[in-house]
C-alpha atoms as a PDB file:
ATOM      1  CA  UNK A   1      -0.010   0.054   0.008  1.00  0.00           C
ATOM      2  CA  UNK A   2       1.182   3.247  -0.779  1.00  0.00           C
ATOM      3  CA  UNK A   3       0.056   7.004   0.225  1.00  0.00           C
ATOM      4  CA  UNK A   4      -0.158   9.738  -2.653  1.00  0.00           C
ATOM      5  CA  UNK A   5       0.676  12.912  -3.097  1.00  0.00           C
ATOM      6  CA  UNK A   6      -0.093  15.678  -5.696  1.00  0.00           C
ATOM      7  CA  UNK A   7       1.629  18.544  -6.211  1.00  0.00           C
ATOM      8  CA  UNK A   8      -1.361  20.315  -7.360  1.00  0.00           C
ATOM      9  CA  UNK A   9      -3.431  19.674  -4.734  1.00  0.00           C
ATOM     10  CA  UNK A  10      -0.958  20.145  -1.733  1.00  0.00           C
ATOM     11  CA  UNK A  11       0.855  23.361  -0.208  1.00  0.00           C
ATOM     12  CA  UNK A  12       3.326  24.100  -2.232  1.00  0.00           C
ATOM     13  CA  UNK A  13       5.828  24.292   1.228  1.00  0.00           C
ATOM     14  CA  UNK A  14       4.527  20.528   2.036  1.00  0.00           C
ATOM     15  CA  UNK A  15       5.272  18.746  -1.052  1.00  0.00           C
ATOM     16  CA  UNK A  16       8.766  20.714  -0.921  1.00  0.00           C
ATOM     17  CA  UNK A  17       9.471  19.392   2.391  1.00  0.00           C
ATOM     18  CA  UNK A  18       8.242  15.404   1.083  1.00  0.00           C
ATOM     19  CA  UNK A  19      10.889  16.364  -2.068  1.00  0.00           C
ATOM     20  CA  UNK A  20      13.644  16.470   0.378  1.00  0.00           C
ATOM     21  CA  UNK A  21      12.654  14.004   2.534  1.00  0.00           C
ATOM     22  CA  UNK A  22      13.002  11.758  -0.310  1.00  0.00           C
ATOM     23  CA  UNK A  23      15.741  13.187  -2.706  1.00  0.00           C
ATOM     24  CA  UNK A  24      18.432  11.866  -0.105  1.00  0.00           C
ATOM     25  CA  UNK A  25      20.984  12.329   0.438  1.00  0.00           C
ATOM     26  CA  UNK A  26      22.244  15.352  -1.072  1.00  0.00           C
ATOM     27  CA  UNK A  27      25.277  16.943  -1.283  1.00  0.00           C
ATOM     28  CA  UNK A  28      26.047  19.977  -0.010  1.00  0.00           C
ATOM     29  CA  UNK A  29      27.452  23.161  -1.839  1.00  0.00           C
ATOM     30  CA  UNK A  30      29.232  25.454   0.556  1.00  0.00           C
ATOM     31  CA  UNK A  31      29.101  28.663  -2.218  1.00  0.00           C
ATOM     32  CA  UNK A  32      31.424  31.778  -1.578  1.00  0.00           C
ATOM     33  CA  UNK A  33      30.947  34.827  -3.744  1.00  0.00           C
ATOM     34  CA  UNK A  34      32.252  38.290  -3.437  1.00  0.00           C
ATOM     35  CA  UNK A  35      29.658  41.229  -3.842  1.00  0.00           C
ATOM     36  CA  UNK A  36      30.094  43.025  -7.317  1.00  0.00           C
ATOM     37  CA  UNK A  37      32.212  45.931  -5.283  1.00  0.00           C
ATOM     38  CA  UNK A  38      34.646  43.489  -3.640  1.00  0.00           C
ATOM     39  CA  UNK A  39      33.977  44.443  -0.249  1.00  0.00           C
ATOM     40  CA  UNK A  40      31.612  41.677   1.350  1.00  0.00           C
ATOM     41  CA  UNK A  41      32.390  38.168   1.279  1.00  0.00           C
ATOM     42  CA  UNK A  42      29.283  35.931   1.328  1.00  0.00           C
ATOM     43  CA  UNK A  43      29.136  31.926   2.170  1.00  0.00           C
ATOM     44  CA  UNK A  44      26.314  30.065   2.125  1.00  0.00           C
ATOM     45  CA  UNK A  45      25.430  26.245   2.012  1.00  0.00           C
ATOM     46  CA  UNK A  46      23.211  24.992  -1.053  1.00  0.00           C
ATOM     47  CA  UNK A  47      21.878  21.160  -0.871  1.00  0.00           C
ATOM     48  CA  UNK A  48      21.129  21.056  -4.680  1.00  0.00           C
ATOM     49  CA  UNK A  49      24.273  20.487  -5.787  1.00  0.00           C
ATOM     50  CA  UNK A  50      25.805  17.880  -8.323  1.00  0.00           C
ATOM     51  CA  UNK A  51      28.120  17.818 -11.540  1.00  0.00           C
ATOM     52  CA  UNK A  52      26.388  18.733 -14.565  1.00  0.00           C
ATOM     53  CA  UNK A  53      29.156  17.749 -17.324  1.00  0.00           C
ATOM     54  CA  UNK A  54      32.700  16.458 -16.935  1.00  0.00           C
ATOM     55  CA  UNK A  55      33.996  17.594 -20.151  1.00  0.00           C
ATOM     56  CA  UNK A  56      34.191  20.763 -19.663  1.00  0.00           C
ATOM     57  CA  UNK A  57      33.994  20.443 -16.234  1.00  0.00           C
ATOM     58  CA  UNK A  58      30.627  22.129 -14.966  1.00  0.00           C
ATOM     59  CA  UNK A  59      28.997  21.725 -11.593  1.00  0.00           C
ATOM     60  CA  UNK A  60      25.692  23.313 -10.797  1.00  0.00           C
ATOM     61  CA  UNK A  61      23.538  24.472  -7.812  1.00  0.00           C
ATOM     62  CA  UNK A  62      20.104  25.714  -7.229  1.00  0.00           C
ATOM     63  CA  UNK A  63      19.198  28.958  -5.270  1.00  0.00           C
ATOM     64  CA  UNK A  64      15.738  28.550  -4.400  1.00  0.00           C
ATOM     65  CA  UNK A  65      14.398  32.383  -4.339  1.00  0.00           C
ATOM     66  CA  UNK A  66      16.589  35.169  -5.034  1.00  0.00           C
ATOM     67  CA  UNK A  67      19.877  34.573  -2.548  1.00  0.00           C
ATOM     68  CA  UNK A  68      22.860  36.395  -1.756  1.00  0.00           C
ATOM     69  CA  UNK A  69      24.861  33.935  -3.414  1.00  0.00           C
ATOM     70  CA  UNK A  70      23.109  33.998  -6.760  1.00  0.00           C
ATOM     71  CA  UNK A  71      22.933  38.028  -7.226  1.00  0.00           C
ATOM     72  CA  UNK A  72      26.881  38.009  -6.615  1.00  0.00           C
ATOM     73  CA  UNK A  73      27.570  35.285  -9.059  1.00  0.00           C
ATOM     74  CA  UNK A  74      25.358  36.920 -11.044  1.00  0.00           C
ATOM     75  CA  UNK A  75      27.048  40.131 -11.234  1.00  0.00           C
ATOM     76  CA  UNK A  76      30.929  38.976 -10.975  1.00  0.00           C
ATOM     77  CA  UNK A  77      30.530  35.850 -12.832  1.00  0.00           C
ATOM     78  CA  UNK A  78      32.733  33.834 -10.456  1.00  0.00           C
ATOM     79  CA  UNK A  79      31.976  31.761  -7.053  1.00  0.00           C
ATOM     80  CA  UNK A  80      33.935  29.195  -5.384  1.00  0.00           C
ATOM     81  CA  UNK A  81      31.990  25.492  -3.856  1.00  0.00           C
ATOM     82  CA  UNK A  82      33.894  24.993  -1.002  1.00  0.00           C
ATOM     83  CA  UNK A  83      33.632  21.185   0.184  1.00  0.00           C
ATOM     84  CA  UNK A  84      31.246  20.679   3.457  1.00  0.00           C
ATOM     85  CA  UNK A  85      33.001  18.590   5.371  1.00  0.00           C
ATOM     86  CA  UNK A  86      31.635  16.620   9.127  1.00  0.00           C
ATOM     87  CA  UNK A  87      33.846  18.604  11.557  1.00  0.00           C
ATOM     88  CA  UNK A  88      32.643  21.654  10.281  1.00  0.00           C
ATOM     89  CA  UNK A  89      28.696  21.174  10.825  1.00  0.00           C
ATOM     90  CA  UNK A  90      27.956  24.035  12.930  1.00  0.00           C
ATOM     91  CA  UNK A  91      29.945  26.633  10.722  1.00  0.00           C
ATOM     92  CA  UNK A  92      27.926  25.177   7.336  1.00  0.00           C
ATOM     93  CA  UNK A  93      24.449  25.387   9.168  1.00  0.00           C
ATOM     94  CA  UNK A  94      25.539  28.719  10.894  1.00  0.00           C
ATOM     95  CA  UNK A  95      26.118  30.024   7.176  1.00  0.00           C
ATOM     96  CA  UNK A  96      22.795  29.277   6.869  1.00  0.00           C
ATOM     97  CA  UNK A  97      21.211  32.236   8.483  1.00  0.00           C
ATOM     98  CA  UNK A  98      19.613  34.958   6.871  1.00  0.00           C
ATOM     99  CA  UNK A  99      22.461  37.676   7.460  1.00  0.00           C
ATOM    100  CA  UNK A 100      21.392  40.896   5.594  1.00  0.00           C
ATOM    101  CA  UNK A 101      23.298  41.448   2.344  1.00  0.00           C
ATOM    102  CA  UNK A 102      25.904  43.945   3.722  1.00  0.00           C
ATOM    103  CA  UNK A 103      27.102  41.330   6.424  1.00  0.00           C
ATOM    104  CA  UNK A 104      29.320  38.458   4.979  1.00  0.00           C
ATOM    105  CA  UNK A 105      29.066  35.129   6.875  1.00  0.00           C
ATOM    106  CA  UNK A 106      32.856  34.760   6.940  1.00  0.00           C
ATOM    107  CA  UNK A 107      33.324  37.331   9.637  1.00  0.00           C
ATOM    108  CA  UNK A 108      29.711  37.072  11.074  1.00  0.00           C
ATOM    109  CA  UNK A 109      30.162  33.154  11.884  1.00  0.00           C
ATOM    110  CA  UNK A 110      34.174  33.622  12.627  1.00  0.00           C
ATOM    111  CA  UNK A 111      35.141  31.541   9.317  1.00  0.00           C
ATOM    112  CA  UNK A 112      38.802  31.870   8.085  1.00  0.00           C
ATOM    113  CA  UNK A 113      39.492  32.501   4.611  1.00  0.00           C
ATOM    114  CA  UNK A 114      42.094  31.679   2.008  1.00  0.00           C
ATOM    115  CA  UNK A 115      42.559  33.458  -1.653  1.00  0.00           C
ATOM    116  CA  UNK A 116      41.460  31.368  -4.463  1.00  0.00           C
ATOM    117  CA  UNK A 117      44.121  31.091  -7.423  1.00  0.00           C
ATOM    118  CA  UNK A 118      41.869  31.440 -10.404  1.00  0.00           C
ATOM    119  CA  UNK A 119      38.942  33.323  -9.334  1.00  0.00           C
ATOM    120  CA  UNK A 120      38.243  36.354  -6.782  1.00  0.00           C
ATOM    121  CA  UNK A 121      35.996  34.919  -4.113  1.00  0.00           C
ATOM    122  CA  UNK A 122      37.590  33.044  -1.359  1.00  0.00           C
ATOM    123  CA  UNK A 123      37.824  29.924  -0.178  1.00  0.00           C
ATOM    124  CA  UNK A 124      36.964  28.754   3.214  1.00  0.00           C
ATOM    125  CA  UNK A 125      40.291  27.909   4.453  1.00  0.00           C
ATOM    126  CA  UNK A 126      39.164  24.496   6.723  1.00  0.00           C
ATOM    127  CA  UNK A 127      37.206  23.006   3.917  1.00  0.00           C
ATOM    128  CA  UNK A 128      39.671  20.208   2.507  1.00  0.00           C
ATOM    129  CA  UNK A 129      38.069  20.863  -1.117  1.00  0.00           C
ATOM    130  CA  UNK A 130      37.529  23.993  -3.173  1.00  0.00           C
ATOM    131  CA  UNK A 131      36.394  24.506  -6.859  1.00  0.00           C
ATOM    132  CA  UNK A 132      37.136  27.611  -8.465  1.00  0.00           C
ATOM    133  CA  UNK A 133      34.221  28.221 -10.857  1.00  0.00           C
ATOM    134  CA  UNK A 134      33.671  30.692 -13.531  1.00  0.00           C
ATOM    135  CA  UNK A 135      29.362  31.456 -14.105  1.00  0.00           C
ATOM    136  CA  UNK A 136      28.612  28.913 -17.822  1.00  0.00           C
ATOM    137  CA  UNK A 137      24.992  29.840 -17.587  1.00  0.00           C
ATOM    138  CA  UNK A 138      21.744  29.852 -15.367  1.00  0.00           C
ATOM    139  CA  UNK A 139      18.205  28.769 -15.710  1.00  0.00           C
ATOM    140  CA  UNK A 140      15.403  29.966 -14.143  1.00  0.00           C
ATOM    141  CA  UNK A 141      12.843  27.048 -13.368  1.00  0.00           C
ATOM    142  CA  UNK A 142       9.888  29.038 -11.457  1.00  0.00           C
ATOM    143  CA  UNK A 143      10.744  30.285  -7.760  1.00  0.00           C
ATOM    144  CA  UNK A 144      14.619  28.448  -8.705  1.00  0.00           C
ATOM    145  CA  UNK A 145      17.666  29.770 -10.567  1.00  0.00           C
ATOM    146  CA  UNK A 146      20.180  26.648 -11.301  1.00  0.00           C
ATOM    147  CA  UNK A 147      23.820  28.035 -11.181  1.00  0.00           C
ATOM    148  CA  UNK A 148      25.952  25.798 -14.128  1.00  0.00           C
ATOM    149  CA  UNK A 149      29.590  27.133 -13.528  1.00  0.00           C
ATOM    150  CA  UNK A 150      32.702  25.941 -15.194  1.00  0.00           C
ATOM    151  CA  UNK A 151      35.487  24.598 -12.961  1.00  0.00           C
ATOM    152  CA  UNK A 152      38.833  26.412 -13.653  1.00  0.00           C
ATOM    153  CA  UNK A 153      40.854  24.908 -10.888  1.00  0.00           C
ATOM    154  CA  UNK A 154      40.452  22.635  -8.079  1.00  0.00           C
ATOM    155  CA  UNK A 155      42.289  23.001  -5.138  1.00  0.00           C
ATOM    156  CA  UNK A 156      42.275  19.676  -2.129  1.00  0.00           C
ATOM    157  CA  UNK A 157      44.142  19.314   0.652  1.00  0.00           C
ATOM    158  CA  UNK A 158      47.125  17.081   0.408  1.00  0.00           C
ATOM    159  CA  UNK A 159      46.511  15.094   3.524  1.00  0.00           C
ATOM    160  CA  UNK A 160      42.998  13.798   2.128  1.00  0.00           C
ATOM    161  CA  UNK A 161      44.703  12.413  -0.605  1.00  0.00           C
ATOM    162  CA  UNK A 162      45.904   8.931  -1.049  1.00  0.00           C
ATOM    163  CA  UNK A 163      47.639   7.161  -3.856  1.00  0.00           C
ATOM    164  CA  UNK A 164      46.583  10.765  -6.298  1.00  0.00           C
ATOM    165  CA  UNK A 165      43.128  10.382  -5.134  1.00  0.00           C
ATOM    166  CA  UNK A 166      40.934  12.060  -2.526  1.00  0.00           C
ATOM    167  CA  UNK A 167      39.716   9.598   0.200  1.00  0.00           C
ATOM    168  CA  UNK A 168      36.282   9.796   1.144  1.00  0.00           C
ATOM    169  CA  UNK A 169      37.106   8.616   4.837  1.00  0.00           C
ATOM    170  CA  UNK A 170      39.211  11.405   5.272  1.00  0.00           C
ATOM    171  CA  UNK A 171      37.370  14.260   3.515  1.00  0.00           C
ATOM    172  CA  UNK A 172      34.848  13.053   5.947  1.00  0.00           C
ATOM    173  CA  UNK A 173      31.495  14.778   3.387  1.00  0.00           C
ATOM    174  CA  UNK A 174      27.942  15.385   4.876  1.00  0.00           C
ATOM    175  CA  UNK A 175      24.774  15.545   3.427  1.00  0.00           C
ATOM    176  CA  UNK A 176      21.245  16.960   4.026  1.00  0.00           C
ATOM    177  CA  UNK A 177      18.339  14.738   4.515  1.00  0.00           C
ATOM    178  CA  UNK A 178      14.903  16.173   5.202  1.00  0.00           C
ATOM    179  CA  UNK A 179      13.639  18.554   7.969  1.00  0.00           C
ATOM    180  CA  UNK A 180      16.569  19.537   9.791  1.00  0.00           C
ATOM    181  CA  UNK A 181      18.008  16.370   9.738  1.00  0.00           C
ATOM    182  CA  UNK A 182      22.061  16.050   8.219  1.00  0.00           C
ATOM    183  CA  UNK A 183      23.947  13.019   7.208  1.00  0.00           C
ATOM    184  CA  UNK A 184      26.958  12.301   8.201  1.00  0.00           C
ATOM    185  CA  UNK A 185      29.179   9.400   6.004  1.00  0.00           C
ATOM    186  CA  UNK A 186      28.445   5.858   7.119  1.00  0.00           C
ATOM    187  CA  UNK A 187      29.112   2.331   5.806  1.00  0.00           C
ATOM    188  CA  UNK A 188      31.155   2.087   2.206  1.00  0.00           C
ATOM    189  CA  UNK A 189      30.242  -0.743  -0.093  1.00  0.00           C
ATOM    190  CA  UNK A 190      33.265  -0.784  -2.965  1.00  0.00           C
ATOM    191  CA  UNK A 191      31.956  -2.573  -6.093  1.00  0.00           C
ATOM    192  CA  UNK A 192      33.053  -2.268  -9.456  1.00  0.00           C
ATOM    193  CA  UNK A 193      30.344  -2.027 -12.484  1.00  0.00           C
ATOM    194  CA  UNK A 194      30.005  -4.766 -14.483  1.00  0.00           C
ATOM    195  CA  UNK A 195      31.409  -4.932 -18.376  1.00  0.00           C
ATOM    196  CA  UNK A 196      28.850  -6.139 -20.629  1.00  0.00           C
ATOM    197  CA  UNK A 197      31.260  -9.013 -21.843  1.00  0.00           C
ATOM    198  CA  UNK A 198      31.664 -10.233 -18.595  1.00  0.00           C
ATOM    199  CA  UNK A 199      28.111 -10.374 -17.694  1.00  0.00           C
ATOM    200  CA  UNK A 200      26.862 -14.027 -17.407  1.00  0.00           C
ATOM    201  CA  UNK A 201      23.124 -15.346 -17.890  1.00  0.00           C
ATOM    202  CA  UNK A 202      22.194 -18.198 -16.428  1.00  0.00           C
END
């Protein structure tokens, strides 16, 4: 037996909560941007985030509503996706606070910055990975805007790299779940994809 839900007959907020409870876990883009005049560094988590293309390398995040991150990206054409690790859980959550546009989250929350290499917005110094991006395109969908950014540089902390590859157990990724729930890394299963030439039918 299933319970049926219709977005046409439900309150929009209620269906939004349903979607975010079942599309899980969701990786978090901890997006840093600069205001157009370069005076304020904004930092905010966006949990609608993924890879959009591999060649060229493009990532995407969604701004639900008109948030500072979106406005800054539209005005400057640049942003950084900082990896959201478990040890920074409270700081990540704090940067989701609706601070006024003129009050930067780095300073308000007490998060250390470091300069980026290819773009102007700063990185989160304590984050193990930073993807420096230039705006590729935006796509408006109802009350949301999907932001596509071409990755022009990736900076990975050396102590999270094993045999030339970032190690998931050292990165300790956070994810968003439903309601106010967050997820940490649990059991990891390693299973290679089966090639068709190796497939056996009984």
